[in-house]
Amino acid sequence: MTTREHDASVYEQVQSSPDFQELKRRFRSWTFPMTAAFLAWYLLYVVLSGWARDFMGTELFGNINIALIFGLLQFVSTFGIAWAYSRHAEKKLDPIADKLRHEVEERSE
């Protein structure tokens, strides 16, 4: 068996392991719903900007209107999601990924 074939078999074994499947499940169970929520939030902003101009143009104070607030909240939500994902990854994904990495390193030696 060549080194390349050995490496491939190690990765195939890891990929079929319960830990790897759990890692994928945890990643997807957080990422897919959060992506859908963010896209819905962004689409709401776009739809309101296009079809509810009077509402979006409502001035809250001075020259600050609802559209500007919604636009700024897009940035806030993006950074909030990135922060939340880093916490999720640190607590739920990284321990399993580290365990799998060590297993691969041990098998590859």
PDB file of N, CA and C in Angstrom:
ATOM      1  N   MET A   1       0.848  -1.179   0.000  1.00  0.00           N
ATOM      2  CA  MET A   1       0.000   0.000   0.000  1.00  0.00           C
ATOM      3  C   MET A   1       0.890   1.237   0.000  1.00  0.00           C
ATOM      4  N   THR A   2       0.639   2.150  -0.910  1.00  0.00           N
ATOM      5  CA  THR A   2       1.427   3.379  -0.981  1.00  0.00           C
ATOM      6  C   THR A   2       0.983   4.336   0.117  1.00  0.00           C
ATOM      7  N   THR A   3       1.809   5.349   0.347  1.00  0.00           N
ATOM      8  CA  THR A   3       1.483   6.357   1.366  1.00  0.00           C
ATOM      9  C   THR A   3       0.180   7.069   1.019  1.00  0.00           C
ATOM     10  N   ARG A   4       0.006   7.347  -0.266  1.00  0.00           N
ATOM     11  CA  ARG A   4      -1.204   8.040  -0.700  1.00  0.00           C
ATOM     12  C   ARG A   4      -2.446   7.185  -0.453  1.00  0.00           C
ATOM     13  N   GLU A   5      -2.359   5.898  -0.755  1.00  0.00           N
ATOM     14  CA  GLU A   5      -3.497   5.004  -0.505  1.00  0.00           C
ATOM     15  C   GLU A   5      -3.771   4.882   0.983  1.00  0.00           C
ATOM     16  N   HIS A   6      -2.686   4.832   1.790  1.00  0.00           N
ATOM     17  CA  HIS A   6      -2.846   4.745   3.240  1.00  0.00           C
ATOM     18  C   HIS A   6      -3.541   6.000   3.764  1.00  0.00           C
ATOM     19  N   ASP A   7      -3.097   7.185   3.304  1.00  0.00           N
ATOM     20  CA  ASP A   7      -3.723   8.439   3.731  1.00  0.00           C
ATOM     21  C   ASP A   7      -5.193   8.474   3.352  1.00  0.00           C
ATOM     22  N   ALA A   8      -5.502   8.013   2.139  1.00  0.00           N
ATOM     23  CA  ALA A   8      -6.896   8.003   1.696  1.00  0.00           C
ATOM     24  C   ALA A   8      -7.727   7.084   2.579  1.00  0.00           C
ATOM     25  N   SER A   9      -7.197   5.929   2.917  1.00  0.00           N
ATOM     26  CA  SER A   9      -7.973   5.013   3.751  1.00  0.00           C
ATOM     27  C   SER A   9      -8.165   5.576   5.156  1.00  0.00           C
ATOM     28  N   VAL A  10      -7.178   6.300   5.676  1.00  0.00           N
ATOM     29  CA  VAL A  10      -7.306   6.925   6.998  1.00  0.00           C
ATOM     30  C   VAL A  10      -8.434   7.950   6.966  1.00  0.00           C
ATOM     31  N   TYR A  11      -8.442   8.782   5.949  1.00  0.00           N
ATOM     32  CA  TYR A  11      -9.477   9.812   5.857  1.00  0.00           C
ATOM     33  C   TYR A  11     -10.861   9.207   5.614  1.00  0.00           C
ATOM     34  N   GLU A  12     -10.910   8.143   4.854  1.00  0.00           N
ATOM     35  CA  GLU A  12     -12.198   7.468   4.640  1.00  0.00           C
ATOM     36  C   GLU A  12     -12.709   6.861   5.942  1.00  0.00           C
ATOM     37  N   GLN A  13     -11.809   6.297   6.736  1.00  0.00           N
ATOM     38  CA  GLN A  13     -12.207   5.735   8.028  1.00  0.00           C
ATOM     39  C   GLN A  13     -12.718   6.837   8.953  1.00  0.00           C
ATOM     40  N   VAL A  14     -12.013   7.941   8.987  1.00  0.00           N
ATOM     41  CA  VAL A  14     -12.430   9.050   9.846  1.00  0.00           C
ATOM     42  C   VAL A  14     -13.774   9.594   9.376  1.00  0.00           C
ATOM     43  N   GLN A  15     -13.933   9.730   8.073  1.00  0.00           N
ATOM     44  CA  GLN A  15     -15.182  10.267   7.533  1.00  0.00           C
ATOM     45  C   GLN A  15     -16.368   9.382   7.870  1.00  0.00           C
ATOM     46  N   SER A  16     -16.158   8.110   7.963  1.00  0.00           N
ATOM     47  CA  SER A  16     -17.271   7.207   8.280  1.00  0.00           C
ATOM     48  C   SER A  16     -17.448   6.996   9.785  1.00  0.00           C
ATOM     49  N   SER A  17     -16.609   7.619  10.593  1.00  0.00           N
ATOM     50  CA  SER A  17     -16.686   7.436  12.042  1.00  0.00           C
ATOM     51  C   SER A  17     -17.885   8.174  12.630  1.00  0.00           C
ATOM     52  N   PRO A  18     -18.407   7.692  13.751  1.00  0.00           N
ATOM     53  CA  PRO A  18     -19.529   8.370  14.425  1.00  0.00           C
ATOM     54  C   PRO A  18     -19.173   9.797  14.868  1.00  0.00           C
ATOM     55  N   ASP A  19     -17.920  10.013  15.270  1.00  0.00           N
ATOM     56  CA  ASP A  19     -17.516  11.360  15.692  1.00  0.00           C
ATOM     57  C   ASP A  19     -17.599  12.348  14.533  1.00  0.00           C
ATOM     58  N   PHE A  20     -17.153  11.931  13.365  1.00  0.00           N
ATOM     59  CA  PHE A  20     -17.211  12.819  12.203  1.00  0.00           C
ATOM     60  C   PHE A  20     -18.654  13.103  11.817  1.00  0.00           C
ATOM     61  N   GLN A  21     -19.488  12.092  11.873  1.00  0.00           N
ATOM     62  CA  GLN A  21     -20.908  12.280  11.559  1.00  0.00           C
ATOM     63  C   GLN A  21     -21.556  13.238  12.561  1.00  0.00           C
ATOM     64  N   GLU A  22     -21.175  13.128  13.817  1.00  0.00           N
ATOM     65  CA  GLU A  22     -21.690  14.041  14.844  1.00  0.00           C
ATOM     66  C   GLU A  22     -21.198  15.467  14.594  1.00  0.00           C
ATOM     67  N   LEU A  23     -19.948  15.595  14.196  1.00  0.00           N
ATOM     68  CA  LEU A  23     -19.402  16.913  13.871  1.00  0.00           C
ATOM     69  C   LEU A  23     -20.185  17.551  12.727  1.00  0.00           C
ATOM     70  N   LYS A  24     -20.443  16.788  11.681  1.00  0.00           N
ATOM     71  CA  LYS A  24     -21.227  17.309  10.558  1.00  0.00           C
ATOM     72  C   LYS A  24     -22.637  17.675  11.000  1.00  0.00           C
ATOM     73  N   ARG A  25     -23.257  16.840  11.837  1.00  0.00           N
ATOM     74  CA  ARG A  25     -24.614  17.115  12.304  1.00  0.00           C
ATOM     75  C   ARG A  25     -24.663  18.400  13.110  1.00  0.00           C
ATOM     76  N   ARG A  26     -23.716  18.577  14.022  1.00  0.00           N
ATOM     77  CA  ARG A  26     -23.687  19.790  14.844  1.00  0.00           C
ATOM     78  C   ARG A  26     -23.445  21.036  13.997  1.00  0.00           C
ATOM     79  N   PHE A  27     -22.547  20.922  13.020  1.00  0.00           N
ATOM     80  CA  PHE A  27     -22.270  22.048  12.134  1.00  0.00           C
ATOM     81  C   PHE A  27     -23.520  22.428  11.360  1.00  0.00           C
ATOM     82  N   ARG A  28     -24.152  21.454  10.745  1.00  0.00           N
ATOM     83  CA  ARG A  28     -25.331  21.719   9.919  1.00  0.00           C
ATOM     84  C   ARG A  28     -26.522  22.184  10.750  1.00  0.00           C
ATOM     85  N   SER A  29     -26.689  21.638  11.947  1.00  0.00           N
ATOM     86  CA  SER A  29     -27.858  22.012  12.757  1.00  0.00           C
ATOM     87  C   SER A  29     -27.783  23.459  13.222  1.00  0.00           C
ATOM     88  N   TRP A  30     -26.605  24.034  13.247  1.00  0.00           N
ATOM     89  CA  TRP A  30     -26.481  25.447  13.598  1.00  0.00           C
ATOM     90  C   TRP A  30     -26.425  26.318  12.346  1.00  0.00           C
ATOM     91  N   THR A  31     -25.643  25.896  11.373  1.00  0.00           N
ATOM     92  CA  THR A  31     -25.369  26.731  10.208  1.00  0.00           C
ATOM     93  C   THR A  31     -26.571  26.900   9.294  1.00  0.00           C
ATOM     94  N   PHE A  32     -27.275  25.824   8.988  1.00  0.00           N
ATOM     95  CA  PHE A  32     -28.391  25.932   8.050  1.00  0.00           C
ATOM     96  C   PHE A  32     -29.522  26.818   8.579  1.00  0.00           C
ATOM     97  N   PRO A  33     -29.991  26.627   9.807  1.00  0.00           N
ATOM     98  CA  PRO A  33     -31.045  27.522  10.304  1.00  0.00           C
ATOM     99  C   PRO A  33     -30.585  28.986  10.418  1.00  0.00           C
ATOM    100  N   MET A  34     -29.345  29.198  10.834  1.00  0.00           N
ATOM    101  CA  MET A  34     -28.850  30.568  10.967  1.00  0.00           C
ATOM    102  C   MET A  34     -28.725  31.230   9.595  1.00  0.00           C
ATOM    103  N   THR A  35     -28.294  30.479   8.613  1.00  0.00           N
ATOM    104  CA  THR A  35     -28.206  31.018   7.251  1.00  0.00           C
ATOM    105  C   THR A  35     -29.593  31.373   6.735  1.00  0.00           C
ATOM    106  N   ALA A  36     -30.554  30.493   6.955  1.00  0.00           N
ATOM    107  CA  ALA A  36     -31.927  30.763   6.510  1.00  0.00           C
ATOM    108  C   ALA A  36     -32.484  31.999   7.218  1.00  0.00           C
ATOM    109  N   ALA A  37     -32.238  32.129   8.512  1.00  0.00           N
ATOM    110  CA  ALA A  37     -32.728  33.291   9.262  1.00  0.00           C
ATOM    111  C   ALA A  37     -32.089  34.577   8.745  1.00  0.00           C
ATOM    112  N   PHE A  38     -30.782  34.547   8.493  1.00  0.00           N
ATOM    113  CA  PHE A  38     -30.118  35.751   7.999  1.00  0.00           C
ATOM    114  C   PHE A  38     -30.620  36.119   6.608  1.00  0.00           C
ATOM    115  N   LEU A  39     -30.788  35.135   5.736  1.00  0.00           N
ATOM    116  CA  LEU A  39     -31.282  35.436   4.391  1.00  0.00           C
ATOM    117  C   LEU A  39     -32.707  35.988   4.428  1.00  0.00           C
ATOM    118  N   ALA A  40     -33.530  35.463   5.325  1.00  0.00           N
ATOM    119  CA  ALA A  40     -34.896  35.986   5.470  1.00  0.00           C
ATOM    120  C   ALA A  40     -34.854  37.432   5.965  1.00  0.00           C
ATOM    121  N   TRP A  41     -33.981  37.707   6.923  1.00  0.00           N
ATOM    122  CA  TRP A  41     -33.828  39.064   7.452  1.00  0.00           C
ATOM    123  C   TRP A  41     -33.349  40.003   6.352  1.00  0.00           C
ATOM    124  N   TYR A  42     -32.378  39.568   5.562  1.00  0.00           N
ATOM    125  CA  TYR A  42     -31.878  40.400   4.464  1.00  0.00           C
ATOM    126  C   TYR A  42     -32.954  40.611   3.409  1.00  0.00           C
ATOM    127  N   LEU A  43     -33.684  39.556   3.079  1.00  0.00           N
ATOM    128  CA  LEU A  43     -34.753  39.666   2.080  1.00  0.00           C
ATOM    129  C   LEU A  43     -35.846  40.620   2.572  1.00  0.00           C
ATOM    130  N   LEU A  44     -36.157  40.585   3.859  1.00  0.00           N
ATOM    131  CA  LEU A  44     -37.127  41.523   4.422  1.00  0.00           C
ATOM    132  C   LEU A  44     -36.676  42.965   4.183  1.00  0.00           C
ATOM    133  N   TYR A  45     -35.410  43.231   4.415  1.00  0.00           N
ATOM    134  CA  TYR A  45     -34.855  44.566   4.193  1.00  0.00           C
ATOM    135  C   TYR A  45     -35.003  44.977   2.727  1.00  0.00           C
ATOM    136  N   VAL A  46     -34.663  44.085   1.823  1.00  0.00           N
ATOM    137  CA  VAL A  46     -34.746  44.383   0.396  1.00  0.00           C
ATOM    138  C   VAL A  46     -36.199  44.599  -0.031  1.00  0.00           C
ATOM    139  N   VAL A  47     -37.093  43.733   0.410  1.00  0.00           N
ATOM    140  CA  VAL A  47     -38.511  43.848   0.042  1.00  0.00           C
ATOM    141  C   VAL A  47     -39.106  45.140   0.591  1.00  0.00           C
ATOM    142  N   LEU A  48     -38.842  45.430   1.835  1.00  0.00           N
ATOM    143  CA  LEU A  48     -39.362  46.670   2.417  1.00  0.00           C
ATOM    144  C   LEU A  48     -38.791  47.897   1.711  1.00  0.00           C
ATOM    145  N   SER A  49     -37.527  47.835   1.334  1.00  0.00           N
ATOM    146  CA  SER A  49     -36.918  48.963   0.624  1.00  0.00           C
ATOM    147  C   SER A  49     -37.545  49.176  -0.740  1.00  0.00           C
ATOM    148  N   GLY A  50     -37.960  48.097  -1.382  1.00  0.00           N
ATOM    149  CA  GLY A  50     -38.534  48.196  -2.713  1.00  0.00           C
ATOM    150  C   GLY A  50     -40.020  48.475  -2.740  1.00  0.00           C
ATOM    151  N   TRP A  51     -40.747  47.906  -1.787  1.00  0.00           N
ATOM    152  CA  TRP A  51     -42.205  47.985  -1.860  1.00  0.00           C
ATOM    153  C   TRP A  51     -42.878  48.692  -0.685  1.00  0.00           C
ATOM    154  N   ALA A  52     -42.125  49.082   0.297  1.00  0.00           N
ATOM    155  CA  ALA A  52     -42.709  49.827   1.427  1.00  0.00           C
ATOM    156  C   ALA A  52     -41.890  51.094   1.651  1.00  0.00           C
ATOM    157  N   ARG A  53     -41.761  51.863   0.596  1.00  0.00           N
ATOM    158  CA  ARG A  53     -40.906  53.051   0.641  1.00  0.00           C
ATOM    159  C   ARG A  53     -41.372  54.069   1.678  1.00  0.00           C
ATOM    160  N   ASP A  54     -42.674  54.244   1.812  1.00  0.00           N
ATOM    161  CA  ASP A  54     -43.169  55.205   2.803  1.00  0.00           C
ATOM    162  C   ASP A  54     -42.769  54.782   4.211  1.00  0.00           C
ATOM    163  N   PHE A  55     -42.925  53.486   4.499  1.00  0.00           N
ATOM    164  CA  PHE A  55     -42.541  52.972   5.815  1.00  0.00           C
ATOM    165  C   PHE A  55     -41.033  53.132   6.034  1.00  0.00           C
ATOM    166  N   MET A  56     -40.238  52.719   5.060  1.00  0.00           N
ATOM    167  CA  MET A  56     -38.781  52.791   5.206  1.00  0.00           C
ATOM    168  C   MET A  56     -38.289  54.240   5.259  1.00  0.00           C
ATOM    169  N   GLY A  57     -39.039  55.150   4.666  1.00  0.00           N
ATOM    170  CA  GLY A  57     -38.652  56.556   4.676  1.00  0.00           C
ATOM    171  C   GLY A  57     -39.102  57.315   5.915  1.00  0.00           C
ATOM    172  N   THR A  58     -39.809  56.636   6.796  1.00  0.00           N
ATOM    173  CA  THR A  58     -40.285  57.286   8.017  1.00  0.00           C
ATOM    174  C   THR A  58     -39.092  57.749   8.849  1.00  0.00           C
ATOM    175  N   GLU A  59     -39.054  59.049   9.118  1.00  0.00           N
ATOM    176  CA  GLU A  59     -37.957  59.603   9.914  1.00  0.00           C
ATOM    177  C   GLU A  59     -38.209  59.341  11.391  1.00  0.00           C
ATOM    178  N   LEU A  60     -37.187  58.841  12.053  1.00  0.00           N
ATOM    179  CA  LEU A  60     -37.295  58.554  13.484  1.00  0.00           C
ATOM    180  C   LEU A  60     -36.818  59.745  14.304  1.00  0.00           C
ATOM    181  N   PHE A  61     -35.686  60.282  13.919  1.00  0.00           N
ATOM    182  CA  PHE A  61     -35.173  61.505  14.547  1.00  0.00           C
ATOM    183  C   PHE A  61     -34.165  62.131  13.595  1.00  0.00           C
ATOM    184  N   GLY A  62     -34.326  63.420  13.370  1.00  0.00           N
ATOM    185  CA  GLY A  62     -33.470  64.126  12.422  1.00  0.00           C
ATOM    186  C   GLY A  62     -33.606  63.523  11.025  1.00  0.00           C
ATOM    187  N   ASN A  63     -32.473  63.269  10.396  1.00  0.00           N
ATOM    188  CA  ASN A  63     -32.461  62.652   9.073  1.00  0.00           C
ATOM    189  C   ASN A  63     -32.311  61.135   9.137  1.00  0.00           C
ATOM    190  N   ILE A  64     -32.463  60.567  10.297  1.00  0.00           N
ATOM    191  CA  ILE A  64     -32.342  59.122  10.489  1.00  0.00           C
ATOM    192  C   ILE A  64     -33.714  58.493  10.243  1.00  0.00           C
ATOM    193  N   ASN A  65     -33.776  57.605   9.241  1.00  0.00           N
ATOM    194  CA  ASN A  65     -35.054  56.949   8.957  1.00  0.00           C
ATOM    195  C   ASN A  65     -34.952  55.447   9.212  1.00  0.00           C
ATOM    196  N   ILE A  66     -36.059  54.775   9.062  1.00  0.00           N
ATOM    197  CA  ILE A  66     -36.116  53.330   9.335  1.00  0.00           C
ATOM    198  C   ILE A  66     -35.186  52.566   8.404  1.00  0.00           C
ATOM    199  N   ALA A  67     -35.097  52.972   7.141  1.00  0.00           N
ATOM    200  CA  ALA A  67     -34.219  52.282   6.189  1.00  0.00           C
ATOM    201  C   ALA A  67     -32.764  52.321   6.650  1.00  0.00           C
ATOM    202  N   LEU A  68     -32.319  53.450   7.146  1.00  0.00           N
ATOM    203  CA  LEU A  68     -30.946  53.561   7.622  1.00  0.00           C
ATOM    204  C   LEU A  68     -30.720  52.652   8.831  1.00  0.00           C
ATOM    205  N   ILE A  69     -31.677  52.650   9.736  1.00  0.00           N
ATOM    206  CA  ILE A  69     -31.563  51.775  10.912  1.00  0.00           C
ATOM    207  C   ILE A  69     -31.517  50.310  10.484  1.00  0.00           C
ATOM    208  N   PHE A  70     -32.413  49.904   9.573  1.00  0.00           N
ATOM    209  CA  PHE A  70     -32.400  48.528   9.077  1.00  0.00           C
ATOM    210  C   PHE A  70     -31.067  48.196   8.407  1.00  0.00           C
ATOM    211  N   GLY A  71     -30.549  49.128   7.618  1.00  0.00           N
ATOM    212  CA  GLY A  71     -29.266  48.906   6.953  1.00  0.00           C
ATOM    213  C   GLY A  71     -28.135  48.714   7.946  1.00  0.00           C
ATOM    214  N   LEU A  72     -28.104  49.541   8.968  1.00  0.00           N
ATOM    215  CA  LEU A  72     -27.073  49.394   9.996  1.00  0.00           C
ATOM    216  C   LEU A  72     -27.245  48.090  10.777  1.00  0.00           C
ATOM    217  N   LEU A  73     -28.495  47.707  10.995  1.00  0.00           N
ATOM    218  CA  LEU A  73     -28.737  46.437  11.698  1.00  0.00           C
ATOM    219  C   LEU A  73     -28.277  45.228  10.885  1.00  0.00           C
ATOM    220  N   GLN A  74     -28.190  45.365   9.563  1.00  0.00           N
ATOM    221  CA  GLN A  74     -27.635  44.283   8.741  1.00  0.00           C
ATOM    222  C   GLN A  74     -26.179  44.028   9.138  1.00  0.00           C
ATOM    223  N   PHE A  75     -25.422  45.099   9.334  1.00  0.00           N
ATOM    224  CA  PHE A  75     -24.027  44.940   9.765  1.00  0.00           C
ATOM    225  C   PHE A  75     -23.952  44.357  11.169  1.00  0.00           C
ATOM    226  N   VAL A  76     -24.787  44.868  12.061  1.00  0.00           N
ATOM    227  CA  VAL A  76     -24.799  44.379  13.440  1.00  0.00           C
ATOM    228  C   VAL A  76     -25.131  42.885  13.477  1.00  0.00           C
ATOM    229  N   SER A  77     -26.143  42.488  12.714  1.00  0.00           N
ATOM    230  CA  SER A  77     -26.528  41.070  12.714  1.00  0.00           C
ATOM    231  C   SER A  77     -25.434  40.197  12.108  1.00  0.00           C
ATOM    232  N   THR A  78     -24.730  40.700  11.095  1.00  0.00           N
ATOM    233  CA  THR A  78     -23.629  39.927  10.508  1.00  0.00           C
ATOM    234  C   THR A  78     -22.537  39.675  11.533  1.00  0.00           C
ATOM    235  N   PHE A  79     -22.124  40.711  12.240  1.00  0.00           N
ATOM    236  CA  PHE A  79     -21.100  40.534  13.266  1.00  0.00           C
ATOM    237  C   PHE A  79     -21.615  39.687  14.429  1.00  0.00           C
ATOM    238  N   GLY A  80     -22.883  39.845  14.772  1.00  0.00           N
ATOM    239  CA  GLY A  80     -23.468  39.022  15.834  1.00  0.00           C
ATOM    240  C   GLY A  80     -23.477  37.545  15.478  1.00  0.00           C
ATOM    241  N   ILE A  81     -23.814  37.245  14.252  1.00  0.00           N
ATOM    242  CA  ILE A  81     -23.819  35.848  13.809  1.00  0.00           C
ATOM    243  C   ILE A  81     -22.402  35.285  13.811  1.00  0.00           C
ATOM    244  N   ALA A  82     -21.432  36.077  13.342  1.00  0.00           N
ATOM    245  CA  ALA A  82     -20.040  35.620  13.346  1.00  0.00           C
ATOM    246  C   ALA A  82     -19.565  35.343  14.774  1.00  0.00           C
ATOM    247  N   TRP A  83     -19.919  36.222  15.697  1.00  0.00           N
ATOM    248  CA  TRP A  83     -19.541  36.025  17.106  1.00  0.00           C
ATOM    249  C   TRP A  83     -20.226  34.776  17.675  1.00  0.00           C
ATOM    250  N   ALA A  84     -21.526  34.626  17.387  1.00  0.00           N
ATOM    251  CA  ALA A  84     -22.261  33.460  17.890  1.00  0.00           C
ATOM    252  C   ALA A  84     -21.701  32.163  17.311  1.00  0.00           C
ATOM    253  N   TYR A  85     -21.328  32.192  16.028  1.00  0.00           N
ATOM    254  CA  TYR A  85     -20.751  30.986  15.428  1.00  0.00           C
ATOM    255  C   TYR A  85     -19.414  30.642  16.073  1.00  0.00           C
ATOM    256  N   SER A  86     -18.591  31.643  16.355  1.00  0.00           N
ATOM    257  CA  SER A  86     -17.296  31.349  16.974  1.00  0.00           C
ATOM    258  C   SER A  86     -17.480  30.715  18.348  1.00  0.00           C
ATOM    259  N   ARG A  87     -18.474  31.184  19.088  1.00  0.00           N
ATOM    260  CA  ARG A  87     -18.765  30.567  20.396  1.00  0.00           C
ATOM    261  C   ARG A  87     -19.288  29.145  20.224  1.00  0.00           C
ATOM    262  N   HIS A  88     -20.175  28.945  19.255  1.00  0.00           N
ATOM    263  CA  HIS A  88     -20.718  27.615  18.987  1.00  0.00           C
ATOM    264  C   HIS A  88     -19.590  26.662  18.583  1.00  0.00           C
ATOM    265  N   ALA A  89     -18.732  27.112  17.683  1.00  0.00           N
ATOM    266  CA  ALA A  89     -17.638  26.261  17.219  1.00  0.00           C
ATOM    267  C   ALA A  89     -16.694  25.914  18.361  1.00  0.00           C
ATOM    268  N   GLU A  90     -16.403  26.897  19.186  1.00  0.00           N
ATOM    269  CA  GLU A  90     -15.487  26.662  20.303  1.00  0.00           C
ATOM    270  C   GLU A  90     -16.029  25.619  21.277  1.00  0.00           C
ATOM    271  N   LYS A  91     -17.328  25.673  21.535  1.00  0.00           N
ATOM    272  CA  LYS A  91     -17.919  24.771  22.524  1.00  0.00           C
ATOM    273  C   LYS A  91     -18.332  23.421  21.938  1.00  0.00           C
ATOM    274  N   LYS A  92     -18.884  23.423  20.729  1.00  0.00           N
ATOM    275  CA  LYS A  92     -19.520  22.216  20.196  1.00  0.00           C
ATOM    276  C   LYS A  92     -18.738  21.524  19.084  1.00  0.00           C
ATOM    277  N   LEU A  93     -17.964  22.288  18.316  1.00  0.00           N
ATOM    278  CA  LEU A  93     -17.296  21.697  17.151  1.00  0.00           C
ATOM    279  C   LEU A  93     -15.809  21.428  17.390  1.00  0.00           C
ATOM    280  N   ASP A  94     -15.125  22.379  17.980  1.00  0.00           N
ATOM    281  CA  ASP A  94     -13.682  22.259  18.131  1.00  0.00           C
ATOM    282  C   ASP A  94     -13.232  21.039  18.934  1.00  0.00           C
ATOM    283  N   PRO A  95     -13.917  20.673  20.027  1.00  0.00           N
ATOM    284  CA  PRO A  95     -13.462  19.482  20.756  1.00  0.00           C
ATOM    285  C   PRO A  95     -13.499  18.213  19.889  1.00  0.00           C
ATOM    286  N   ILE A  96     -14.552  18.039  19.112  1.00  0.00           N
ATOM    287  CA  ILE A  96     -14.651  16.861  18.250  1.00  0.00           C
ATOM    288  C   ILE A  96     -13.626  16.953  17.128  1.00  0.00           C
ATOM    289  N   ALA A  97     -13.469  18.130  16.538  1.00  0.00           N
ATOM    290  CA  ALA A  97     -12.504  18.308  15.451  1.00  0.00           C
ATOM    291  C   ALA A  97     -11.082  18.050  15.942  1.00  0.00           C
ATOM    292  N   ASP A  98     -10.762  18.505  17.140  1.00  0.00           N
ATOM    293  CA  ASP A  98      -9.430  18.250  17.703  1.00  0.00           C
ATOM    294  C   ASP A  98      -9.206  16.761  17.913  1.00  0.00           C
ATOM    295  N   LYS A  99     -10.211  16.081  18.431  1.00  0.00           N
ATOM    296  CA  LYS A  99     -10.110  14.627  18.643  1.00  0.00           C
ATOM    297  C   LYS A  99      -9.875  13.911  17.314  1.00  0.00           C
ATOM    298  N   LEU A 100     -10.627  14.284  16.305  1.00  0.00           N
ATOM    299  CA  LEU A 100     -10.464  13.661  14.988  1.00  0.00           C
ATOM    300  C   LEU A 100      -9.097  13.972  14.389  1.00  0.00           C
ATOM    301  N   ARG A 101      -8.632  15.203  14.549  1.00  0.00           N
ATOM    302  CA  ARG A 101      -7.312  15.574  14.032  1.00  0.00           C
ATOM    303  C   ARG A 101      -6.222  14.734  14.671  1.00  0.00           C
ATOM    304  N   HIS A 102      -6.306  14.525  15.978  1.00  0.00           N
ATOM    305  CA  HIS A 102      -5.302  13.706  16.665  1.00  0.00           C
ATOM    306  C   HIS A 102      -5.368  12.259  16.183  1.00  0.00           C
ATOM    307  N   GLU A 103      -6.565  11.746  15.952  1.00  0.00           N
ATOM    308  CA  GLU A 103      -6.681  10.389  15.439  1.00  0.00           C
ATOM    309  C   GLU A 103      -6.046  10.257  14.063  1.00  0.00           C
ATOM    310  N   VAL A 104      -6.276  11.225  13.208  1.00  0.00           N
ATOM    311  CA  VAL A 104      -5.683  11.196  11.868  1.00  0.00           C
ATOM    312  C   VAL A 104      -4.179  11.280  11.960  1.00  0.00           C
ATOM    313  N   GLU A 105      -3.678  12.148  12.810  1.00  0.00           N
ATOM    314  CA  GLU A 105      -2.223  12.280  12.964  1.00  0.00           C
ATOM    315  C   GLU A 105      -1.609  10.994  13.470  1.00  0.00           C
ATOM    316  N   GLU A 106      -2.259  10.325  14.412  1.00  0.00           N
ATOM    317  CA  GLU A 106      -1.742   9.064  14.939  1.00  0.00           C
ATOM    318  C   GLU A 106      -1.728   7.967  13.868  1.00  0.00           C
ATOM    319  N   ARG A 107      -2.802   7.896  13.080  1.00  0.00           N
ATOM    320  CA  ARG A 107      -2.882   6.866  12.045  1.00  0.00           C
ATOM    321  C   ARG A 107      -1.946   7.129  10.883  1.00  0.00           C
ATOM    322  N   SER A 108      -1.607   8.395  10.666  1.00  0.00           N
ATOM    323  CA  SER A 108      -0.765   8.751   9.528  1.00  0.00           C
ATOM    324  C   SER A 108       0.713   8.523   9.802  1.00  0.00           C
ATOM    325  N   GLU A 109       1.062   8.384  11.056  1.00  0.00           N
ATOM    326  CA  GLU A 109       2.493   8.204  11.413  1.00  0.00           C
ATOM    327  C   GLU A 109       2.992   6.832  11.094  1.00  0.00           C
TER     328      GLU A 109
END
